[in-house]
Amino acid sequence: MAHSEVLPRRVEISEKELQVLVEKDMNRLEQGLVFIDHFVPVGSGIIDTLALDNEKSPVIIEYKAVPEADEEGLIQILAYADWIDKNPDALLRFVSEKKSEALGGASLGDVRTVLVAPDFTERTRHAADMIEHDIALVKYMAFEHPAIGRWLHFDTIFDSRTARPGAARIEVYKIDDHFQGAYARMKPLFDRLASEVNKFGPDVRIYAKKHYIAFQRNYIFAVIHIYTNKVEAGMVLESSEPDPRLLDASDWGWSRVTHCVVLTQDKDIDEKVLEWLRASYSNS
């Protein structure tokens, strides 16, 4: 019988085969995905596949080829996403070193996760719908034909970006988002700080994320947290003379931020604080 007369047949594949097929043509999973790397260590686990989407958001892809392993996979990808949320500077450095052309000088968007499995339990579907995080559950089927080999068919079971049309989902955060209501009184202080930092060089970029404002050169060199009565600036300092204003920031959960300073009024932004920020800028 000629190959043209043979119908494709559905086949079972291993998790490794699933990963290879997805990485071979990532556009079949989602249009515009760019492969960055696989088996990426983060925290206490390893990301199967790391990609970037059209919005420069990091996309964590986890594969499960065994039925009812999806619940375990859901826990895994959420743990990876949590680590990346807390270590965006580490991820930015990793992506820049692996495939800088994919980033194109842009900052990373908010992390997304995609769980690929042969099926999903009702528990996993309900849990995904309850999670604030951006997540997609994608069911796959594998087929084989003697003339063209094996390929995958995908069916998106759940996608938080389309399943919650009534939810207020902020895709792009603005600096002003951090100065709403009672936080507005800290805006003049932040503006003064940003103005001074912009003088460090034309390569300074200042942008907002959901939980912080970033000062970035090649990498993030200062992380700004806004409160109703203060502004905290976390920095990357290799060494510094003891100073009561310079506080330890190892508990911030960032892989590079070492110290922070608390600012409450305009005079706090003195030459010493700017010296620390310049050193952090140089370290990036």
C-alpha atoms as a PDB file:
ATOM      1  CA  MET A   1       0.000   0.000   0.000  1.00  0.00           C
ATOM      2  CA  ALA A   2       1.370   3.440  -0.930  1.00  0.00           C
ATOM      3  CA  HIS A   3       2.109   5.903   1.883  1.00  0.00           C
ATOM      4  CA  SER A   4      -0.503   8.276   0.450  1.00  0.00           C
ATOM      5  CA  GLU A   5      -3.165   5.657   1.145  1.00  0.00           C
ATOM      6  CA  VAL A   6      -2.137   5.117   4.775  1.00  0.00           C
ATOM      7  CA  LEU A   7      -4.142   7.063   7.352  1.00  0.00           C
ATOM      8  CA  PRO A   8      -2.356   8.729  10.289  1.00  0.00           C
ATOM      9  CA  ARG A   9      -2.593   6.778  13.519  1.00  0.00           C
ATOM     10  CA  ARG A  10      -2.659   8.064  17.057  1.00  0.00           C
ATOM     11  CA  VAL A  11       0.381   7.042  19.125  1.00  0.00           C
ATOM     12  CA  GLU A  12       1.572   7.253  22.710  1.00  0.00           C
ATOM     13  CA  ILE A  13       4.801   9.194  23.221  1.00  0.00           C
ATOM     14  CA  SER A  14       7.184   9.759  26.111  1.00  0.00           C
ATOM     15  CA  GLU A  15       7.602  13.063  27.926  1.00  0.00           C
ATOM     16  CA  LYS A  16      10.978  13.500  26.222  1.00  0.00           C
ATOM     17  CA  GLU A  17       9.432  12.943  22.777  1.00  0.00           C
ATOM     18  CA  LEU A  18       6.680  15.411  23.638  1.00  0.00           C
ATOM     19  CA  GLN A  19       9.235  18.042  24.589  1.00  0.00           C
ATOM     20  CA  VAL A  20      11.292  17.484  21.425  1.00  0.00           C
ATOM     21  CA  LEU A  21       8.237  17.816  19.186  1.00  0.00           C
ATOM     22  CA  VAL A  22       7.071  21.020  20.882  1.00  0.00           C
ATOM     23  CA  GLU A  23      10.527  22.626  20.762  1.00  0.00           C
ATOM     24  CA  LYS A  24      10.929  21.632  17.108  1.00  0.00           C
ATOM     25  CA  ASP A  25       8.092  23.976  16.103  1.00  0.00           C
ATOM     26  CA  MET A  26       6.925  26.169  18.975  1.00  0.00           C
ATOM     27  CA  ASN A  27       4.521  28.081  16.748  1.00  0.00           C
ATOM     28  CA  ARG A  28       2.255  25.036  16.708  1.00  0.00           C
ATOM     29  CA  LEU A  29       1.812  25.446  20.452  1.00  0.00           C
ATOM     30  CA  GLU A  30       1.442  29.237  20.277  1.00  0.00           C
ATOM     31  CA  GLN A  31       2.118  31.649  17.442  1.00  0.00           C
ATOM     32  CA  GLY A  32       5.143  33.831  18.094  1.00  0.00           C
ATOM     33  CA  LEU A  33       6.831  31.732  20.793  1.00  0.00           C
ATOM     34  CA  VAL A  34      10.628  31.953  20.704  1.00  0.00           C
ATOM     35  CA  PHE A  35      12.634  29.111  22.253  1.00  0.00           C
ATOM     36  CA  ILE A  36      15.201  30.275  24.839  1.00  0.00           C
ATOM     37  CA  ASP A  37      16.450  27.097  26.516  1.00  0.00           C
ATOM     38  CA  HIS A  38      15.394  23.836  28.110  1.00  0.00           C
ATOM     39  CA  PHE A  39      16.116  22.215  31.476  1.00  0.00           C
ATOM     40  CA  VAL A  40      16.561  25.603  33.148  1.00  0.00           C
ATOM     41  CA  PRO A  41      17.282  25.331  36.907  1.00  0.00           C
ATOM     42  CA  VAL A  42      15.198  27.661  39.088  1.00  0.00           C
ATOM     43  CA  GLY A  43      14.907  27.461  42.859  1.00  0.00           C
ATOM     44  CA  SER A  44      14.336  23.825  43.776  1.00  0.00           C
ATOM     45  CA  GLY A  45      13.259  22.627  40.312  1.00  0.00           C
ATOM     46  CA  ILE A  46      14.003  22.608  36.600  1.00  0.00           C
ATOM     47  CA  ILE A  47      11.882  24.271  33.893  1.00  0.00           C
ATOM     48  CA  ASP A  48      11.279  21.896  30.983  1.00  0.00           C
ATOM     49  CA  THR A  49      11.180  24.646  28.336  1.00  0.00           C
ATOM     50  CA  LEU A  50      11.626  28.401  28.636  1.00  0.00           C
ATOM     51  CA  ALA A  51      10.344  30.640  25.835  1.00  0.00           C
ATOM     52  CA  LEU A  52       9.384  34.256  25.147  1.00  0.00           C
ATOM     53  CA  ASP A  53       6.051  35.270  23.649  1.00  0.00           C
ATOM     54  CA  ASN A  54       5.210  38.208  21.372  1.00  0.00           C
ATOM     55  CA  GLU A  55       5.014  40.546  24.371  1.00  0.00           C
ATOM     56  CA  LYS A  56       8.474  39.503  25.643  1.00  0.00           C
ATOM     57  CA  SER A  57       6.857  37.688  28.543  1.00  0.00           C
ATOM     58  CA  PRO A  58       8.751  34.616  29.765  1.00  0.00           C
ATOM     59  CA  VAL A  59       6.702  31.457  29.188  1.00  0.00           C
ATOM     60  CA  ILE A  60       7.321  28.388  31.343  1.00  0.00           C
ATOM     61  CA  ILE A  61       6.276  25.177  29.606  1.00  0.00           C
ATOM     62  CA  GLU A  62       5.879  21.959  31.613  1.00  0.00           C
ATOM     63  CA  TYR A  63       5.175  18.593  30.004  1.00  0.00           C
ATOM     64  CA  LYS A  64       3.336  15.580  31.344  1.00  0.00           C
ATOM     65  CA  ALA A  65       2.859  12.468  29.207  1.00  0.00           C
ATOM     66  CA  VAL A  66       1.219  10.306  31.872  1.00  0.00           C
ATOM     67  CA  PRO A  67      -2.539  10.630  32.555  1.00  0.00           C
ATOM     68  CA  GLU A  68      -3.453  12.331  35.829  1.00  0.00           C
ATOM     69  CA  ALA A  69       0.050  13.765  36.280  1.00  0.00           C
ATOM     70  CA  ASP A  70      -1.372  17.199  35.497  1.00  0.00           C
ATOM     71  CA  GLU A  71      -2.020  18.043  39.152  1.00  0.00           C
ATOM     72  CA  GLU A  72       1.651  17.557  39.949  1.00  0.00           C
ATOM     73  CA  GLY A  73       2.547  19.608  36.878  1.00  0.00           C
ATOM     74  CA  LEU A  74       0.341  22.475  38.030  1.00  0.00           C
ATOM     75  CA  ILE A  75       2.193  22.663  41.347  1.00  0.00           C
ATOM     76  CA  GLN A  76       5.544  22.556  39.566  1.00  0.00           C
ATOM     77  CA  ILE A  77       4.891  25.417  37.145  1.00  0.00           C
ATOM     78  CA  LEU A  78       3.432  27.625  39.864  1.00  0.00           C
ATOM     79  CA  ALA A  79       6.547  27.063  41.975  1.00  0.00           C
ATOM     80  CA  TYR A  80       8.745  27.995  39.007  1.00  0.00           C
ATOM     81  CA  ALA A  81       6.645  31.098  38.287  1.00  0.00           C
ATOM     82  CA  ASP A  82       6.880  32.185  41.918  1.00  0.00           C
ATOM     83  CA  TRP A  83      10.682  31.928  41.802  1.00  0.00           C
ATOM     84  CA  ILE A  84      10.854  33.964  38.598  1.00  0.00           C
ATOM     85  CA  ASP A  85       8.504  36.601  40.035  1.00  0.00           C
ATOM     86  CA  LYS A  86      10.952  36.990  42.923  1.00  0.00           C
ATOM     87  CA  ASN A  87      14.097  36.863  40.772  1.00  0.00           C
ATOM     88  CA  PRO A  88      13.342  38.809  37.575  1.00  0.00           C
ATOM     89  CA  ASP A  89      16.898  40.155  37.479  1.00  0.00           C
ATOM     90  CA  ALA A  90      18.289  36.612  37.364  1.00  0.00           C
ATOM     91  CA  LEU A  91      15.923  35.653  34.552  1.00  0.00           C
ATOM     92  CA  LEU A  92      16.684  38.822  32.582  1.00  0.00           C
ATOM     93  CA  ARG A  93      20.405  38.084  32.836  1.00  0.00           C
ATOM     94  CA  PHE A  94      19.833  34.470  31.752  1.00  0.00           C
ATOM     95  CA  VAL A  95      17.733  35.408  28.707  1.00  0.00           C
ATOM     96  CA  SER A  96      20.174  38.167  27.718  1.00  0.00           C
ATOM     97  CA  GLU A  97      23.082  35.725  27.807  1.00  0.00           C
ATOM     98  CA  LYS A  98      21.237  32.907  26.031  1.00  0.00           C
ATOM     99  CA  LYS A  99      19.427  34.827  23.294  1.00  0.00           C
ATOM    100  CA  SER A 100      19.765  38.585  23.570  1.00  0.00           C
ATOM    101  CA  GLU A 101      18.335  39.094  20.062  1.00  0.00           C
ATOM    102  CA  ALA A 102      15.007  37.620  21.214  1.00  0.00           C
ATOM    103  CA  LEU A 103      14.694  40.303  23.876  1.00  0.00           C
ATOM    104  CA  GLY A 104      15.772  43.123  21.585  1.00  0.00           C
ATOM    105  CA  GLY A 105      16.575  45.452  24.463  1.00  0.00           C
ATOM    106  CA  ALA A 106      13.054  45.267  25.898  1.00  0.00           C
ATOM    107  CA  SER A 107      12.262  44.470  29.511  1.00  0.00           C
ATOM    108  CA  LEU A 108      10.659  41.169  30.387  1.00  0.00           C
ATOM    109  CA  GLY A 109       6.898  41.030  30.746  1.00  0.00           C
ATOM    110  CA  ASP A 110       5.044  39.117  33.450  1.00  0.00           C
ATOM    111  CA  VAL A 111       5.709  35.408  33.583  1.00  0.00           C
ATOM    112  CA  ARG A 112       3.213  33.010  31.988  1.00  0.00           C
ATOM    113  CA  THR A 113       2.876  29.252  32.349  1.00  0.00           C
ATOM    114  CA  VAL A 114       1.679  26.551  29.950  1.00  0.00           C
ATOM    115  CA  LEU A 115       1.017  23.009  31.123  1.00  0.00           C
ATOM    116  CA  VAL A 116       0.920  20.452  28.287  1.00  0.00           C
ATOM    117  CA  ALA A 117      -0.641  17.069  29.124  1.00  0.00           C
ATOM    118  CA  PRO A 118      -2.729  14.285  27.541  1.00  0.00           C
ATOM    119  CA  ASP A 119      -5.704  15.358  29.646  1.00  0.00           C
ATOM    120  CA  PHE A 120      -6.673  17.358  32.729  1.00  0.00           C
ATOM    121  CA  THR A 121      -8.667  16.389  35.797  1.00  0.00           C
ATOM    122  CA  GLU A 122     -11.559  18.526  36.966  1.00  0.00           C
ATOM    123  CA  ARG A 123      -9.475  19.434  40.041  1.00  0.00           C
ATOM    124  CA  THR A 124      -6.741  20.879  37.847  1.00  0.00           C
ATOM    125  CA  ARG A 125      -9.204  22.835  35.698  1.00  0.00           C
ATOM    126  CA  HIS A 126     -10.964  24.343  38.721  1.00  0.00           C
ATOM    127  CA  ALA A 127      -7.639  25.141  40.407  1.00  0.00           C
ATOM    128  CA  ALA A 128      -6.349  26.907  37.287  1.00  0.00           C
ATOM    129  CA  ASP A 129      -9.480  29.060  37.188  1.00  0.00           C
ATOM    130  CA  MET A 130      -8.954  30.101  40.819  1.00  0.00           C
ATOM    131  CA  ILE A 131      -5.327  31.131  40.325  1.00  0.00           C
ATOM    132  CA  GLU A 132      -4.609  34.821  39.683  1.00  0.00           C
ATOM    133  CA  HIS A 133      -1.510  33.856  37.730  1.00  0.00           C
ATOM    134  CA  ASP A 134      -1.519  33.748  33.905  1.00  0.00           C
ATOM    135  CA  ILE A 135      -1.871  30.055  33.030  1.00  0.00           C
ATOM    136  CA  ALA A 136      -2.933  27.849  30.134  1.00  0.00           C
ATOM    137  CA  LEU A 137      -3.796  24.137  30.112  1.00  0.00           C
ATOM    138  CA  VAL A 138      -3.126  22.556  26.714  1.00  0.00           C
ATOM    139  CA  LYS A 139      -4.206  19.030  25.832  1.00  0.00           C
ATOM    140  CA  TYR A 140      -2.204  17.207  23.189  1.00  0.00           C
ATOM    141  CA  MET A 141      -2.648  14.184  20.937  1.00  0.00           C
ATOM    142  CA  ALA A 142       0.257  12.604  19.036  1.00  0.00           C
ATOM    143  CA  PHE A 143      -0.111  11.195  15.532  1.00  0.00           C
ATOM    144  CA  GLU A 144       2.185   9.317  13.203  1.00  0.00           C
ATOM    145  CA  HIS A 145       2.337   8.774   9.449  1.00  0.00           C
ATOM    146  CA  PRO A 146       5.046   6.758   7.647  1.00  0.00           C
ATOM    147  CA  ALA A 147       5.628   9.561   5.153  1.00  0.00           C
ATOM    148  CA  ILE A 148       5.905  12.523   7.532  1.00  0.00           C
ATOM    149  CA  GLY A 149       6.677  11.030  10.932  1.00  0.00           C
ATOM    150  CA  ARG A 150       5.127  12.189  14.177  1.00  0.00           C
ATOM    151  CA  TRP A 151       3.337  15.428  15.021  1.00  0.00           C
ATOM    152  CA  LEU A 152       1.148  16.927  17.719  1.00  0.00           C
ATOM    153  CA  HIS A 153      -2.369  18.269  17.752  1.00  0.00           C
ATOM    154  CA  PHE A 154      -3.159  20.784  20.524  1.00  0.00           C
ATOM    155  CA  ASP A 155      -6.435  21.736  22.161  1.00  0.00           C
ATOM    156  CA  THR A 156      -6.409  24.556  24.718  1.00  0.00           C
ATOM    157  CA  ILE A 157      -8.597  23.427  27.618  1.00  0.00           C
ATOM    158  CA  PHE A 158      -8.174  26.581  29.693  1.00  0.00           C
ATOM    159  CA  ASP A 159      -6.463  29.951  29.131  1.00  0.00           C
ATOM    160  CA  SER A 160      -6.735  32.581  31.839  1.00  0.00           C
ATOM    161  CA  ARG A 161      -6.321  35.356  29.262  1.00  0.00           C
ATOM    162  CA  THR A 162      -9.622  34.460  27.607  1.00  0.00           C
ATOM    163  CA  ALA A 163     -11.472  32.594  30.357  1.00  0.00           C
ATOM    164  CA  ARG A 164     -11.850  35.639  32.611  1.00  0.00           C
ATOM    165  CA  PRO A 165     -13.270  38.363  30.379  1.00  0.00           C
ATOM    166  CA  GLY A 166     -14.718  40.230  33.330  1.00  0.00           C
ATOM    167  CA  ALA A 167     -11.498  40.338  35.310  1.00  0.00           C
ATOM    168  CA  ALA A 168      -9.372  43.467  35.421  1.00  0.00           C
ATOM    169  CA  ARG A 169      -6.097  42.126  34.005  1.00  0.00           C
ATOM    170  CA  ILE A 170      -3.396  44.768  33.697  1.00  0.00           C
ATOM    171  CA  GLU A 171      -1.054  43.755  30.876  1.00  0.00           C
ATOM    172  CA  VAL A 172       1.157  46.854  30.999  1.00  0.00           C
ATOM    173  CA  TYR A 173       1.917  48.529  34.314  1.00  0.00           C
ATOM    174  CA  LYS A 174       2.591  52.237  34.581  1.00  0.00           C
ATOM    175  CA  ILE A 175       4.660  54.078  37.165  1.00  0.00           C
ATOM    176  CA  ASP A 176       1.579  56.052  38.156  1.00  0.00           C
ATOM    177  CA  ASP A 177      -0.119  52.763  39.128  1.00  0.00           C
ATOM    178  CA  HIS A 178       2.159  52.733  42.189  1.00  0.00           C
ATOM    179  CA  PHE A 179       0.986  56.169  43.342  1.00  0.00           C
ATOM    180  CA  GLN A 180      -2.752  55.758  43.664  1.00  0.00           C
ATOM    181  CA  GLY A 181      -4.687  56.993  46.714  1.00  0.00           C
ATOM    182  CA  ALA A 182      -2.581  57.400  49.851  1.00  0.00           C
ATOM    183  CA  TYR A 183       0.571  56.430  47.939  1.00  0.00           C
ATOM    184  CA  ALA A 184       0.405  59.648  45.895  1.00  0.00           C
ATOM    185  CA  ARG A 185       2.226  61.616  48.587  1.00  0.00           C
ATOM    186  CA  MET A 186       5.421  59.676  47.751  1.00  0.00           C
ATOM    187  CA  LYS A 187       5.360  60.641  44.049  1.00  0.00           C
ATOM    188  CA  PRO A 188       7.426  63.879  44.368  1.00  0.00           C
ATOM    189  CA  LEU A 189      10.094  61.985  46.306  1.00  0.00           C
ATOM    190  CA  PHE A 190      10.226  59.245  43.700  1.00  0.00           C
ATOM    191  CA  ASP A 191      10.332  61.787  40.859  1.00  0.00           C
ATOM    192  CA  ARG A 192      13.349  63.473  42.452  1.00  0.00           C
ATOM    193  CA  LEU A 193      15.082  60.089  42.834  1.00  0.00           C
ATOM    194  CA  ALA A 194      14.316  59.110  39.227  1.00  0.00           C
ATOM    195  CA  SER A 195      15.567  62.491  37.981  1.00  0.00           C
ATOM    196  CA  GLU A 196      18.915  62.015  39.735  1.00  0.00           C
ATOM    197  CA  VAL A 197      19.304  58.436  38.532  1.00  0.00           C
ATOM    198  CA  ASN A 198      18.575  59.426  34.934  1.00  0.00           C
ATOM    199  CA  LYS A 199      21.710  61.580  35.077  1.00  0.00           C
ATOM    200  CA  PHE A 200      23.874  58.443  35.434  1.00  0.00           C
ATOM    201  CA  GLY A 201      23.731  57.823  31.704  1.00  0.00           C
ATOM    202  CA  PRO A 202      21.548  57.558  28.601  1.00  0.00           C
ATOM    203  CA  ASP A 203      21.258  53.789  29.090  1.00  0.00           C
ATOM    204  CA  VAL A 204      19.125  54.096  32.244  1.00  0.00           C
ATOM    205  CA  ARG A 205      15.630  52.662  31.810  1.00  0.00           C
ATOM    206  CA  ILE A 206      12.893  53.181  34.397  1.00  0.00           C
ATOM    207  CA  TYR A 207       9.723  51.108  34.182  1.00  0.00           C
ATOM    208  CA  ALA A 208       7.013  49.651  36.381  1.00  0.00           C
ATOM    209  CA  LYS A 209       6.055  46.091  37.176  1.00  0.00           C
ATOM    210  CA  LYS A 210       3.173  44.924  39.330  1.00  0.00           C
ATOM    211  CA  HIS A 211       4.996  44.951  42.668  1.00  0.00           C
ATOM    212  CA  TYR A 212       7.955  47.277  42.085  1.00  0.00           C
ATOM    213  CA  ILE A 213       9.558  49.914  39.889  1.00  0.00           C
ATOM    214  CA  ALA A 214      12.827  48.976  38.196  1.00  0.00           C
ATOM    215  CA  PHE A 215      15.898  51.045  37.397  1.00  0.00           C
ATOM    216  CA  GLN A 216      17.744  49.114  34.690  1.00  0.00           C
ATOM    217  CA  ARG A 217      20.966  49.401  32.753  1.00  0.00           C
ATOM    218  CA  ASN A 218      22.041  46.067  31.249  1.00  0.00           C
ATOM    219  CA  TYR A 219      20.355  44.457  34.243  1.00  0.00           C
ATOM    220  CA  ILE A 220      18.170  45.810  37.022  1.00  0.00           C
ATOM    221  CA  PHE A 221      20.386  47.827  39.344  1.00  0.00           C
ATOM    222  CA  ALA A 222      17.726  49.208  41.686  1.00  0.00           C
ATOM    223  CA  VAL A 223      14.367  47.875  42.817  1.00  0.00           C
ATOM    224  CA  ILE A 224      11.978  50.502  44.152  1.00  0.00           C
ATOM    225  CA  HIS A 225       9.137  49.683  46.545  1.00  0.00           C
ATOM    226  CA  ILE A 226       6.550  52.384  47.210  1.00  0.00           C
ATOM    227  CA  TYR A 227       4.753  52.703  50.556  1.00  0.00           C
ATOM    228  CA  THR A 228       2.381  55.341  51.873  1.00  0.00           C
ATOM    229  CA  ASN A 229       5.105  56.899  54.025  1.00  0.00           C
ATOM    230  CA  LYS A 230       8.410  55.854  52.454  1.00  0.00           C
ATOM    231  CA  VAL A 231      10.285  54.725  49.359  1.00  0.00           C
ATOM    232  CA  GLU A 232      12.636  51.752  49.598  1.00  0.00           C
ATOM    233  CA  ALA A 233      15.473  51.387  47.098  1.00  0.00           C
ATOM    234  CA  GLY A 234      17.185  48.004  46.819  1.00  0.00           C
ATOM    235  CA  MET A 235      20.644  47.969  45.231  1.00  0.00           C
ATOM    236  CA  VAL A 236      23.434  45.662  44.076  1.00  0.00           C
ATOM    237  CA  LEU A 237      26.572  46.508  46.063  1.00  0.00           C
ATOM    238  CA  GLU A 238      29.682  44.351  46.063  1.00  0.00           C
ATOM    239  CA  SER A 239      31.096  46.112  49.104  1.00  0.00           C
ATOM    240  CA  SER A 240      30.418  49.247  51.088  1.00  0.00           C
ATOM    241  CA  GLU A 241      31.488  51.013  54.233  1.00  0.00           C
ATOM    242  CA  PRO A 242      29.171  50.455  57.200  1.00  0.00           C
ATOM    243  CA  ASP A 243      26.416  53.036  57.356  1.00  0.00           C
ATOM    244  CA  PRO A 244      23.311  52.933  59.583  1.00  0.00           C
ATOM    245  CA  ARG A 245      21.135  53.947  56.625  1.00  0.00           C
ATOM    246  CA  LEU A 246      22.333  51.060  54.458  1.00  0.00           C
ATOM    247  CA  LEU A 247      20.210  48.037  55.377  1.00  0.00           C
ATOM    248  CA  ASP A 248      20.552  44.361  54.526  1.00  0.00           C
ATOM    249  CA  ALA A 249      18.186  43.272  51.745  1.00  0.00           C
ATOM    250  CA  SER A 250      18.990  39.562  51.585  1.00  0.00           C
ATOM    251  CA  ASP A 251      15.445  38.738  52.703  1.00  0.00           C
ATOM    252  CA  TRP A 252      13.920  40.495  49.687  1.00  0.00           C
ATOM    253  CA  GLY A 253      14.144  37.252  47.710  1.00  0.00           C
ATOM    254  CA  TRP A 254      16.097  38.815  44.830  1.00  0.00           C
ATOM    255  CA  SER A 255      19.221  36.978  43.716  1.00  0.00           C
ATOM    256  CA  ARG A 256      21.317  40.139  43.189  1.00  0.00           C
ATOM    257  CA  VAL A 257      19.910  42.844  45.468  1.00  0.00           C
ATOM    258  CA  THR A 258      22.137  43.046  48.534  1.00  0.00           C
ATOM    259  CA  HIS A 259      21.272  46.299  50.327  1.00  0.00           C
ATOM    260  CA  CYS A 260      18.491  48.838  50.575  1.00  0.00           C
ATOM    261  CA  VAL A 261      17.969  52.376  51.783  1.00  0.00           C
ATOM    262  CA  VAL A 262      14.783  53.959  53.126  1.00  0.00           C
ATOM    263  CA  LEU A 263      13.804  57.409  51.870  1.00  0.00           C
ATOM    264  CA  THR A 264      11.099  59.480  53.555  1.00  0.00           C
ATOM    265  CA  GLN A 265      11.890  63.057  52.537  1.00  0.00           C
ATOM    266  CA  ASP A 266      13.710  64.985  49.840  1.00  0.00           C
ATOM    267  CA  LYS A 267      16.877  65.567  51.887  1.00  0.00           C
ATOM    268  CA  ASP A 268      17.361  61.795  52.221  1.00  0.00           C
ATOM    269  CA  ILE A 269      18.432  61.728  48.561  1.00  0.00           C
ATOM    270  CA  ASP A 270      21.902  63.033  49.349  1.00  0.00           C
ATOM    271  CA  GLU A 271      25.278  62.413  47.741  1.00  0.00           C
ATOM    272  CA  LYS A 272      25.859  59.236  49.776  1.00  0.00           C
ATOM    273  CA  VAL A 273      22.645  57.619  48.546  1.00  0.00           C
ATOM    274  CA  LEU A 274      23.462  58.636  44.976  1.00  0.00           C
ATOM    275  CA  GLU A 275      26.969  57.202  45.403  1.00  0.00           C
ATOM    276  CA  TRP A 276      25.455  53.822  46.361  1.00  0.00           C
ATOM    277  CA  LEU A 277      23.084  53.951  43.413  1.00  0.00           C
ATOM    278  CA  ARG A 278      25.937  54.836  41.034  1.00  0.00           C
ATOM    279  CA  ALA A 279      27.925  51.864  42.320  1.00  0.00           C
ATOM    280  CA  SER A 280      24.915  49.614  41.747  1.00  0.00           C
ATOM    281  CA  TYR A 281      24.522  51.089  38.262  1.00  0.00           C
ATOM    282  CA  SER A 282      28.175  50.299  37.536  1.00  0.00           C
ATOM    283  CA  ASN A 283      27.726  46.743  38.797  1.00  0.00           C
ATOM    284  CA  SER A 284      24.973  46.162  36.234  1.00  0.00           C
END
